[in-house]
């Protein structure tokens, strides 16, 4: 019944558009027919005002469906670069069947807020792997943090540096990185050199370019299969899309 009501409401909106002055030259309705249509619609809405509300809801749902379909096509086109780009840092179960791609900025407060949420998700889903895409969009200090994480990855410590920086001060400097590296037992001289390396810069540039092609508006953002979740989300929402991806595998 709800579906029929929405289809009826959508039809009414469509008739309104066709009967409107802007469509006068292209529609086959005469002026008298358009007047009759408008009169019928007005009477219907007067008797049941919920028709207009249902019409708006139906149109919004249709627009969302079309947008989601367009996003799914785009994510499908970039699936290899998103989920299986050589050298990208990976967390969770490296051989997991379900992949979450996280675009984050180490200084972003919403990204930091997602740390325990992701930890809970991984604890409950042993078949999930996370691909980290550093996206330093909050200034030079974010770039320092991203380079430090990627450089630490060359010493097998991306996850640990990521956690150290994401749970520490957001004012990330070389001194902050050096302190973190010391606590993690990393080779500071090597870390400095790797932070300046071209391949680290190339990976950051590739992440920024990919985010632009996906039209990401900020961090964090999560890609799971053919679903894009922009912004910080609740654990239940992440679990929903993971379960959905699992069913589609």
Protein backbone atom coordinates (compact mmCIF):
# COMPACT_ATOMS: atom_id res chain seq x y z
CA UNK A 1 0.00 0.00 0.00
CA UNK A 2 2.80 2.43 0.84
CA UNK A 3 4.49 1.74 -2.47
CA UNK A 4 1.25 2.37 -4.37
CA UNK A 5 0.71 5.63 -2.51
CA UNK A 6 4.19 6.80 -3.40
CA UNK A 7 3.79 5.86 -7.04
CA UNK A 8 0.51 7.76 -7.10
CA UNK A 9 2.13 10.74 -5.45
CA UNK A 10 5.00 10.70 -7.94
CA UNK A 11 2.49 10.55 -10.79
CA UNK A 12 0.71 13.60 -9.42
CA UNK A 13 3.97 15.55 -9.26
CA UNK A 14 4.75 14.48 -12.81
CA UNK A 15 1.36 15.68 -13.99
CA UNK A 16 1.90 18.97 -12.22
CA UNK A 17 5.15 19.45 -14.05
CA UNK A 18 3.64 18.52 -17.39
CA UNK A 19 0.69 20.82 -16.83
CA UNK A 20 2.87 23.73 -15.82
CA UNK A 21 3.48 26.75 -18.09
CA UNK A 22 7.12 25.76 -18.70
CA UNK A 23 5.92 22.60 -20.45
CA UNK A 24 3.12 24.23 -22.43
CA UNK A 25 4.97 24.17 -25.73
CA UNK A 26 6.20 20.56 -25.42
CA UNK A 27 3.10 18.89 -23.88
CA UNK A 28 0.06 17.74 -25.85
CA UNK A 29 -2.38 19.16 -23.29
CA UNK A 30 -4.61 22.06 -24.25
CA UNK A 31 -5.03 24.98 -21.86
CA UNK A 32 -8.41 23.57 -20.83
CA UNK A 33 -6.95 20.11 -20.18
CA UNK A 34 -4.15 21.56 -18.08
CA UNK A 35 -6.68 23.47 -16.03
CA UNK A 36 -8.70 20.28 -15.47
CA UNK A 37 -5.58 18.37 -14.37
CA UNK A 38 -4.59 21.05 -11.91
CA UNK A 39 -8.13 21.17 -10.54
CA UNK A 40 -8.15 17.38 -10.02
CA UNK A 41 -4.79 17.48 -8.28
CA UNK A 42 -5.83 20.33 -6.02
CA UNK A 43 -8.98 18.46 -5.02
CA UNK A 44 -6.97 15.30 -4.31
CA UNK A 45 -4.45 17.13 -2.14
CA UNK A 46 -7.22 18.97 -0.33
CA UNK A 47 -8.84 15.66 0.56
CA UNK A 48 -5.52 13.99 1.47
CA UNK A 49 -2.67 16.45 2.20
CA UNK A 50 -0.30 13.53 2.81
CA UNK A 51 -0.14 13.01 -0.97
CA UNK A 52 2.29 15.90 -1.39
CA UNK A 53 4.44 14.68 1.48
CA UNK A 54 4.54 11.19 -0.01
CA UNK A 55 5.39 12.65 -3.41
CA UNK A 56 8.37 14.54 -2.01
CA UNK A 57 9.52 11.44 -0.11
CA UNK A 58 9.21 9.27 -3.21
CA UNK A 59 11.16 11.72 -5.35
CA UNK A 60 13.89 12.04 -2.71
CA UNK A 61 14.20 8.27 -2.44
CA UNK A 62 14.44 7.97 -6.21
CA UNK A 63 17.12 10.66 -6.33
CA UNK A 64 19.09 8.90 -3.56
CA UNK A 65 18.79 5.59 -5.39
CA UNK A 66 20.15 7.11 -8.59
CA UNK A 67 23.02 8.77 -6.70
CA UNK A 68 23.90 5.50 -4.95
CA UNK A 69 23.91 3.68 -8.28
CA UNK A 70 26.25 6.29 -9.76
CA UNK A 71 28.58 6.01 -6.76
CA UNK A 72 28.58 2.22 -7.03
CA UNK A 73 29.65 2.41 -10.68
CA UNK A 74 32.48 4.81 -9.81
CA UNK A 75 33.71 2.64 -6.95
CA UNK A 76 33.60 -0.40 -9.20
CA UNK A 77 35.75 1.41 -11.75
CA UNK A 78 38.36 2.22 -9.10
CA UNK A 79 38.10 -1.01 -7.09
CA UNK A 80 41.66 -2.15 -7.84
CA UNK A 81 43.22 1.16 -6.88
CA UNK A 82 41.05 1.38 -3.78
CA UNK A 83 41.47 -2.09 -2.34
CA UNK A 84 44.56 -3.66 -3.88
CA UNK A 85 47.10 -0.97 -4.69
CA UNK A 86 50.57 -2.38 -4.09
CA UNK A 87 52.27 -0.92 -1.05
CA UNK A 88 49.19 0.50 0.68
CA UNK A 89 49.22 -0.04 4.46
CA UNK A 90 46.82 -2.77 5.55
CA UNK A 91 45.34 -3.50 8.98
CA UNK A 92 42.96 -6.05 10.42
CA UNK A 93 43.15 -9.43 8.71
CA UNK A 94 45.47 -8.94 5.69
CA UNK A 95 43.79 -11.93 3.98
CA UNK A 96 40.27 -10.89 4.93
CA UNK A 97 37.51 -11.34 2.37
CA UNK A 98 35.93 -7.98 3.23
CA UNK A 99 37.87 -4.76 2.68
CA UNK A 100 37.26 -1.37 4.25
CA UNK A 101 39.16 1.49 2.64
CA UNK A 102 39.67 4.37 5.06
CA UNK A 103 40.58 7.86 3.88
CA UNK A 104 41.78 9.78 6.91
CA UNK A 105 43.82 12.72 8.11
CA UNK A 106 45.89 12.03 11.21
CA UNK A 107 44.84 15.40 12.69
CA UNK A 108 41.13 15.10 11.86
CA UNK A 109 39.06 14.94 15.08
CA UNK A 110 36.37 12.83 13.43
CA UNK A 111 38.98 10.35 12.21
CA UNK A 112 40.35 10.13 15.71
CA UNK A 113 36.85 9.54 17.05
CA UNK A 114 36.53 6.53 14.73
CA UNK A 115 39.53 4.67 16.20
CA UNK A 116 37.58 2.74 18.89
CA UNK A 117 34.71 2.13 16.45
CA UNK A 118 37.03 0.50 13.94
CA UNK A 119 38.72 -1.48 16.71
CA UNK A 120 35.34 -2.84 17.83
CA UNK A 121 34.42 -3.69 14.25
CA UNK A 122 37.64 -5.63 13.69
CA UNK A 123 37.20 -7.47 16.96
CA UNK A 124 33.75 -8.65 15.90
CA UNK A 125 34.64 -9.37 12.26
CA UNK A 126 37.74 -11.49 11.80
CA UNK A 127 37.38 -11.49 7.99
CA UNK A 128 37.82 -7.73 7.58
CA UNK A 129 40.94 -6.01 6.31
CA UNK A 130 41.46 -2.23 6.36
CA UNK A 131 43.33 -0.38 3.65
CA UNK A 132 44.64 2.95 4.90
CA UNK A 133 44.66 5.92 2.54
CA UNK A 134 46.41 8.86 4.19
CA UNK A 135 44.74 12.06 3.06
CA UNK A 136 46.55 15.03 4.62
CA UNK A 137 44.09 17.84 3.90
CA UNK A 138 44.42 19.86 7.12
CA UNK A 139 47.69 21.61 6.43
CA UNK A 140 51.46 21.06 6.70
CA UNK A 141 51.24 19.29 10.06
CA UNK A 142 48.94 16.72 8.52
CA UNK A 143 51.50 16.13 5.79
CA UNK A 144 54.18 15.51 8.42
CA UNK A 145 51.91 12.98 10.13
CA UNK A 146 51.05 11.17 6.89
CA UNK A 147 54.70 10.95 5.86
CA UNK A 148 55.67 9.68 9.31
CA UNK A 149 53.07 6.92 9.16
CA UNK A 150 54.05 5.81 5.66
CA UNK A 151 57.75 5.97 6.52
CA UNK A 152 57.13 3.92 9.67
CA UNK A 153 55.44 1.37 7.44
CA UNK A 154 58.82 0.72 5.82
CA UNK A 155 59.94 -0.50 9.23
CA UNK A 156 56.81 -2.59 9.70
CA UNK A 157 55.27 -0.10 12.10
CA UNK A 158 52.54 1.76 10.20
CA UNK A 159 49.80 0.61 12.58
CA UNK A 160 51.78 1.55 15.67
CA UNK A 161 52.76 4.98 14.37
CA UNK A 162 49.19 5.56 13.21
CA UNK A 163 47.88 4.79 16.69
CA UNK A 164 50.56 6.89 18.39
CA UNK A 165 49.88 9.97 16.28
CA UNK A 166 46.09 9.61 16.25
CA UNK A 167 45.93 9.39 20.04
CA UNK A 168 48.47 12.13 20.71
CA UNK A 169 48.52 15.85 20.11
CA UNK A 170 47.00 17.11 16.89
CA UNK A 171 49.85 19.63 16.61
CA UNK A 172 52.12 17.15 14.86
CA UNK A 173 55.69 18.33 14.35
CA UNK A 174 59.00 16.64 13.60
CA UNK A 175 59.72 16.61 17.34
CA UNK A 176 56.40 14.88 18.03
CA UNK A 177 57.22 12.28 15.38
CA UNK A 178 60.70 11.79 16.76
CA UNK A 179 59.34 11.19 20.26
CA UNK A 180 56.83 8.67 18.91
CA UNK A 181 59.53 6.93 16.87
CA UNK A 182 61.75 6.65 19.93
CA UNK A 183 58.95 5.09 22.00
CA UNK A 184 58.23 2.64 19.19
CA UNK A 185 61.91 1.68 18.88
CA UNK A 186 62.19 2.86 15.27
CA UNK A 187 65.35 3.94 13.46
CA UNK A 188 65.00 7.73 13.51
CA UNK A 189 67.60 8.44 10.84
CA UNK A 190 65.95 5.96 8.48
CA UNK A 191 62.50 7.32 9.29
CA UNK A 192 63.63 10.87 8.46
CA UNK A 193 65.10 9.72 5.18
CA UNK A 194 61.99 7.75 4.23
CA UNK A 195 59.73 10.68 5.10
CA UNK A 196 61.58 12.69 2.45
CA UNK A 197 61.52 9.91 -0.13
CA UNK A 198 59.78 10.30 -3.46
CA UNK A 199 57.73 7.11 -3.12
CA UNK A 200 56.14 8.37 0.11
CA UNK A 201 55.26 11.65 -1.60
CA UNK A 202 53.96 9.75 -4.64
CA UNK A 203 51.64 7.68 -2.46
CA UNK A 204 50.21 10.77 -0.79
CA UNK A 205 49.74 12.43 -4.19
CA UNK A 206 48.00 9.30 -5.50
CA UNK A 207 45.64 9.28 -2.50
CA UNK A 208 44.78 12.94 -3.00
CA UNK A 209 44.15 12.37 -6.72
CA UNK A 210 41.95 9.35 -6.02
CA UNK A 211 39.94 11.26 -3.42
CA UNK A 212 39.38 14.03 -5.96
CA UNK A 213 38.16 11.56 -8.59
CA UNK A 214 35.78 10.08 -6.03
CA UNK A 215 34.63 13.60 -5.12
CA UNK A 216 35.34 13.10 -1.42
CA UNK A 217 34.49 16.24 0.52
CA UNK A 218 36.60 15.56 3.61
CA UNK A 219 37.77 13.00 6.12
CA UNK A 220 37.06 10.42 7.24
CA UNK A 221 35.49 8.50 4.37
CA UNK A 222 34.98 4.76 4.12
CA UNK A 223 34.55 2.54 1.08
CA UNK A 224 33.14 -0.95 1.56
CA UNK A 225 32.51 -2.77 -1.69
CA UNK A 226 30.29 -0.49 -3.74
CA UNK A 227 29.21 1.65 -0.79
CA UNK A 228 30.71 5.00 0.22
CA UNK A 229 30.23 6.24 3.77
CA UNK A 230 31.32 9.88 4.12
CA UNK A 231 32.15 11.18 7.57
CA UNK A 232 32.22 9.53 10.98
CA UNK A 233 29.60 6.79 11.28
CA UNK A 234 28.20 4.62 14.04
CA UNK A 235 29.42 1.05 14.54
CA UNK A 236 25.99 -0.26 13.54
CA UNK A 237 26.20 1.46 10.15
CA UNK A 238 29.67 0.11 9.48
CA UNK A 239 28.53 -3.36 10.49
CA UNK A 240 25.54 -3.07 8.17
CA UNK A 241 27.64 -2.37 5.08
CA UNK A 242 30.19 -5.03 6.04
CA UNK A 243 27.41 -7.61 6.36
CA UNK A 244 25.98 -6.43 3.05
CA UNK A 245 29.38 -6.82 1.34
CA UNK A 246 29.75 -10.28 2.88
CA UNK A 247 26.41 -11.37 1.38
CA UNK A 248 27.46 -10.06 -2.04
CA UNK A 249 30.80 -11.90 -2.04
